[in-house]
C-alpha atoms as a PDB file:
ATOM      1  CA  MET A   1       0.000   0.000   0.000  1.00  0.00           C
ATOM      2  CA  PRO A   2       1.470   3.374  -0.968  1.00  0.00           C
ATOM      3  CA  SER A   3       2.220   5.858   1.782  1.00  0.00           C
ATOM      4  CA  ALA A   4       2.894   9.567   1.788  1.00  0.00           C
ATOM      5  CA  VAL A   5       4.029  12.262   4.182  1.00  0.00           C
ATOM      6  CA  ILE A   6       2.212  15.566   4.326  1.00  0.00           C
ATOM      7  CA  VAL A   7       3.730  18.377   6.363  1.00  0.00           C
ATOM      8  CA  MET A   8       2.222  21.535   7.810  1.00  0.00           C
ATOM      9  CA  LEU A   9       5.043  24.076   7.883  1.00  0.00           C
ATOM     10  CA  THR A  10       4.045  26.665  10.471  1.00  0.00           C
ATOM     11  CA  ARG A  11       5.288  29.883  12.044  1.00  0.00           C
ATOM     12  CA  THR A  12       3.999  32.387  14.582  1.00  0.00           C
ATOM     13  CA  VAL A  13       3.722  36.043  13.561  1.00  0.00           C
ATOM     14  CA  GLY A  14       2.315  38.644  15.930  1.00  0.00           C
ATOM     15  CA  GLY A  15       1.051  35.895  18.220  1.00  0.00           C
ATOM     16  CA  ARG A  16      -0.913  34.239  15.396  1.00  0.00           C
ATOM     17  CA  LYS A  17      -0.148  30.750  14.067  1.00  0.00           C
ATOM     18  CA  GLN A  18       0.337  30.668  10.294  1.00  0.00           C
ATOM     19  CA  ILE A  19       0.651  27.787   7.848  1.00  0.00           C
ATOM     20  CA  LEU A  20       2.439  27.794   4.506  1.00  0.00           C
ATOM     21  CA  LEU A  21       0.274  26.579   1.623  1.00  0.00           C
ATOM     22  CA  GLN A  22       1.000  25.857  -2.026  1.00  0.00           C
ATOM     23  CA  ARG A  23      -1.407  26.000  -4.963  1.00  0.00           C
ATOM     24  CA  ARG A  24      -1.111  22.752  -6.934  1.00  0.00           C
ATOM     25  CA  GLN A  25      -0.966  22.549 -10.716  1.00  0.00           C
ATOM     26  CA  ASN A  26      -0.293  19.898 -13.387  1.00  0.00           C
ATOM     27  CA  THR A  27      -0.099  16.990 -10.911  1.00  0.00           C
ATOM     28  CA  GLY A  28      -3.322  15.153 -11.697  1.00  0.00           C
ATOM     29  CA  PHE A  29      -4.417  15.414  -8.050  1.00  0.00           C
ATOM     30  CA  ALA A  30      -6.323  18.406  -6.669  1.00  0.00           C
ATOM     31  CA  ASP A  31      -4.911  20.786  -9.248  1.00  0.00           C
ATOM     32  CA  ASP A  32      -5.727  24.480  -8.663  1.00  0.00           C
ATOM     33  CA  LEU A  33      -6.464  23.831  -4.974  1.00  0.00           C
ATOM     34  CA  TRP A  34      -4.407  24.907  -1.972  1.00  0.00           C
ATOM     35  CA  ASP A  35      -2.372  22.190  -0.253  1.00  0.00           C
ATOM     36  CA  PHE A  36       0.090  22.056   2.612  1.00  0.00           C
ATOM     37  CA  SER A  37       3.477  23.402   1.574  1.00  0.00           C
ATOM     38  CA  PHE A  38       5.124  20.051   0.838  1.00  0.00           C
ATOM     39  CA  SER A  39       4.276  16.382   0.661  1.00  0.00           C
ATOM     40  CA  GLY A  40       5.253  13.277  -1.215  1.00  0.00           C
ATOM     41  CA  HIS A  41       5.435   9.545  -1.530  1.00  0.00           C
ATOM     42  CA  VAL A  42       7.638   7.572   0.813  1.00  0.00           C
ATOM     43  CA  GLU A  43      10.139   5.767  -1.393  1.00  0.00           C
ATOM     44  CA  HIS A  44      11.284   2.167  -0.954  1.00  0.00           C
ATOM     45  CA  GLY A  45      13.804   1.919   1.893  1.00  0.00           C
ATOM     46  CA  GLU A  46      12.991   5.412   3.164  1.00  0.00           C
ATOM     47  CA  SER A  47      11.451   6.307   6.518  1.00  0.00           C
ATOM     48  CA  MET A  48       8.586   8.774   6.712  1.00  0.00           C
ATOM     49  CA  THR A  49      10.776  11.409   8.353  1.00  0.00           C
ATOM     50  CA  GLU A  50      13.473  10.912   5.708  1.00  0.00           C
ATOM     51  CA  ALA A  51      10.804  11.424   3.031  1.00  0.00           C
ATOM     52  CA  ALA A  52       9.620  14.634   4.716  1.00  0.00           C
ATOM     53  CA  ILE A  53      13.169  16.001   4.911  1.00  0.00           C
ATOM     54  CA  ARG A  54      13.753  15.188   1.233  1.00  0.00           C
ATOM     55  CA  GLU A  55      10.435  16.685   0.101  1.00  0.00           C
ATOM     56  CA  ALA A  56      11.021  19.913   2.065  1.00  0.00           C
ATOM     57  CA  GLU A  57      14.211  20.555   0.153  1.00  0.00           C
ATOM     58  CA  GLU A  58      12.882  19.389  -3.233  1.00  0.00           C
ATOM     59  CA  GLU A  59       9.603  21.314  -3.144  1.00  0.00           C
ATOM     60  CA  ILE A  60      10.231  24.512  -1.163  1.00  0.00           C
ATOM     61  CA  GLY A  61      14.016  24.650  -0.721  1.00  0.00           C
ATOM     62  CA  VAL A  62      14.189  24.503   3.080  1.00  0.00           C
ATOM     63  CA  LYS A  63      16.106  22.229   5.395  1.00  0.00           C
ATOM     64  CA  ILE A  64      14.347  20.572   8.316  1.00  0.00           C
ATOM     65  CA  GLU A  65      15.479  18.143  10.983  1.00  0.00           C
ATOM     66  CA  SER A  66      13.694  14.908  11.881  1.00  0.00           C
ATOM     67  CA  SER A  67      13.634  16.008  15.538  1.00  0.00           C
ATOM     68  CA  ASP A  68      11.528  19.033  14.515  1.00  0.00           C
ATOM     69  CA  LEU A  69       8.811  16.939  12.846  1.00  0.00           C
ATOM     70  CA  ILE A  70       5.846  16.414  15.161  1.00  0.00           C
ATOM     71  CA  PHE A  71       3.481  13.607  14.178  1.00  0.00           C
ATOM     72  CA  VAL A  72      -0.160  14.770  14.292  1.00  0.00           C
ATOM     73  CA  ALA A  73      -2.312  12.332  12.292  1.00  0.00           C
ATOM     74  CA  LEU A  74      -2.561   9.146  10.279  1.00  0.00           C
ATOM     75  CA  VAL A  75      -5.128   9.065   7.493  1.00  0.00           C
ATOM     76  CA  HIS A  76      -6.232   5.803   5.883  1.00  0.00           C
ATOM     77  CA  LYS A  77      -7.583   7.129   2.612  1.00  0.00           C
ATOM     78  CA  ARG A  78      -9.365   5.456  -0.249  1.00  0.00           C
ATOM     79  CA  GLU A  79      -9.730   7.070  -3.660  1.00  0.00           C
ATOM     80  CA  LYS A  80     -12.805   5.183  -4.885  1.00  0.00           C
ATOM     81  CA  GLN A  81     -12.777   6.542  -8.444  1.00  0.00           C
ATOM     82  CA  ILE A  82      -9.323   5.066  -9.096  1.00  0.00           C
ATOM     83  CA  ASP A  83      -9.521   2.238  -6.516  1.00  0.00           C
ATOM     84  CA  LEU A  84      -6.377   3.315  -4.683  1.00  0.00           C
ATOM     85  CA  THR A  85      -5.718   3.186  -0.951  1.00  0.00           C
ATOM     86  CA  TYR A  86      -3.097   5.284   0.853  1.00  0.00           C
ATOM     87  CA  LEU A  87      -1.660   5.688   4.322  1.00  0.00           C
ATOM     88  CA  ASN A  88      -0.879   9.375   4.772  1.00  0.00           C
ATOM     89  CA  ALA A  89       1.155  10.506   7.775  1.00  0.00           C
ATOM     90  CA  TYR A  90       0.736  14.153   8.737  1.00  0.00           C
ATOM     91  CA  PHE A  91       3.384  16.136  10.576  1.00  0.00           C
ATOM     92  CA  VAL A  92       3.778  19.700  11.821  1.00  0.00           C
ATOM     93  CA  CYS A  93       7.124  21.481  11.613  1.00  0.00           C
ATOM     94  CA  ASP A  94       7.773  24.990  12.915  1.00  0.00           C
ATOM     95  CA  LYS A  95      11.566  25.014  12.603  1.00  0.00           C
ATOM     96  CA  PHE A  96      13.278  25.245   9.243  1.00  0.00           C
ATOM     97  CA  CYS A  97      16.384  26.716   7.688  1.00  0.00           C
ATOM     98  CA  GLY A  98      16.136  28.808   4.550  1.00  0.00           C
ATOM     99  CA  GLN A  99      13.504  30.924   2.847  1.00  0.00           C
ATOM    100  CA  PRO A 100      10.614  28.863   1.427  1.00  0.00           C
ATOM    101  CA  HIS A 101      10.263  29.291  -2.314  1.00  0.00           C
ATOM    102  CA  ILE A 102       8.763  27.394  -5.235  1.00  0.00           C
ATOM    103  CA  CYS A 103      11.277  24.815  -6.479  1.00  0.00           C
ATOM    104  CA  GLU A 104       8.910  22.876  -8.758  1.00  0.00           C
ATOM    105  CA  ALA A 105       7.184  25.595 -10.797  1.00  0.00           C
ATOM    106  CA  ASP A 106       5.627  22.947 -13.036  1.00  0.00           C
ATOM    107  CA  LYS A 107       3.692  21.541 -10.034  1.00  0.00           C
ATOM    108  CA  CYS A 108       3.133  24.630  -7.877  1.00  0.00           C
ATOM    109  CA  SER A 109       1.804  27.998  -9.049  1.00  0.00           C
ATOM    110  CA  GLN A 110       1.769  29.861  -5.736  1.00  0.00           C
ATOM    111  CA  LEU A 111       3.165  29.731  -2.199  1.00  0.00           C
ATOM    112  CA  ALA A 112       1.623  31.827   0.620  1.00  0.00           C
ATOM    113  CA  TRP A 113       1.289  32.032   4.394  1.00  0.00           C
ATOM    114  CA  PHE A 114      -2.230  31.933   5.886  1.00  0.00           C
ATOM    115  CA  ASP A 115      -3.508  32.349   9.433  1.00  0.00           C
ATOM    116  CA  ILE A 116      -4.487  28.855  10.572  1.00  0.00           C
ATOM    117  CA  GLU A 117      -7.810  30.348  11.731  1.00  0.00           C
ATOM    118  CA  ASN A 118      -8.518  31.839   8.284  1.00  0.00           C
ATOM    119  CA  LEU A 119      -7.727  29.197   5.662  1.00  0.00           C
ATOM    120  CA  PRO A 120      -8.781  29.590   2.027  1.00  0.00           C
ATOM    121  CA  ASP A 121     -12.080  27.990   1.005  1.00  0.00           C
ATOM    122  CA  ASP A 122     -10.351  26.029  -1.758  1.00  0.00           C
ATOM    123  CA  LEU A 123      -8.017  24.077   0.554  1.00  0.00           C
ATOM    124  CA  ILE A 124      -7.992  20.334  -0.242  1.00  0.00           C
ATOM    125  CA  TYR A 125     -10.779  18.682   1.766  1.00  0.00           C
ATOM    126  CA  ASP A 126      -8.496  16.081   3.442  1.00  0.00           C
ATOM    127  CA  ARG A 127      -6.101  18.773   4.632  1.00  0.00           C
ATOM    128  CA  ARG A 128      -8.862  20.883   6.179  1.00  0.00           C
ATOM    129  CA  LYS A 129     -10.345  17.771   7.806  1.00  0.00           C
ATOM    130  CA  VAL A 130      -6.984  16.887   9.416  1.00  0.00           C
ATOM    131  CA  ILE A 131      -6.672  20.387  10.903  1.00  0.00           C
ATOM    132  CA  GLU A 132     -10.250  20.234  12.245  1.00  0.00           C
ATOM    133  CA  GLU A 133      -9.895  16.735  13.704  1.00  0.00           C
ATOM    134  CA  CYS A 134      -6.482  17.395  15.261  1.00  0.00           C
ATOM    135  CA  ALA A 135      -7.976  20.443  17.001  1.00  0.00           C
ATOM    136  CA  LYS A 136     -10.488  18.017  18.573  1.00  0.00           C
ATOM    137  CA  GLY A 137      -7.715  15.632  19.645  1.00  0.00           C
ATOM    138  CA  ASN A 138      -8.390  13.052  16.921  1.00  0.00           C
ATOM    139  CA  ASN A 139      -5.251  11.798  15.219  1.00  0.00           C
ATOM    140  CA  PHE A 140      -6.629   8.886  13.151  1.00  0.00           C
ATOM    141  CA  LEU A 141      -8.997   9.441  10.248  1.00  0.00           C
ATOM    142  CA  GLN A 142     -10.515   7.173   7.619  1.00  0.00           C
ATOM    143  CA  ILE A 143     -11.555   9.043   4.484  1.00  0.00           C
ATOM    144  CA  GLY A 144     -13.299   7.647   1.426  1.00  0.00           C
ATOM    145  CA  TRP A 145     -14.591   4.417   2.918  1.00  0.00           C
END
């Protein structure tokens, strides 16, 4: 079963928690919607934290440490229309080195910080659901079943 890591890169500005989002394009999944700033498949022989570290550098050009990744949720997701099941591990990271920027312009059209309390309406449903459920203390979700 394929697995992916999805990371919420956060910061605090003026006492308000912000999250970095990217607008997807040309990926075949949720194009033109906002997504968390970086994510990706866990490759064979790679741990989830190793995948997150790799994806951070590949997608937004920042360096993160495994000790700064905080696990927040596991999502067992089924995409019925293509009969595909995923295990998605969600992490939060508020420490990073470097200035986030778009590294894969063919897959990302925009990168922006948003107050976590004022997210865009066109955020991918799963991502919004994880934020809502984590706020309630739920860290395991089943979506698409």
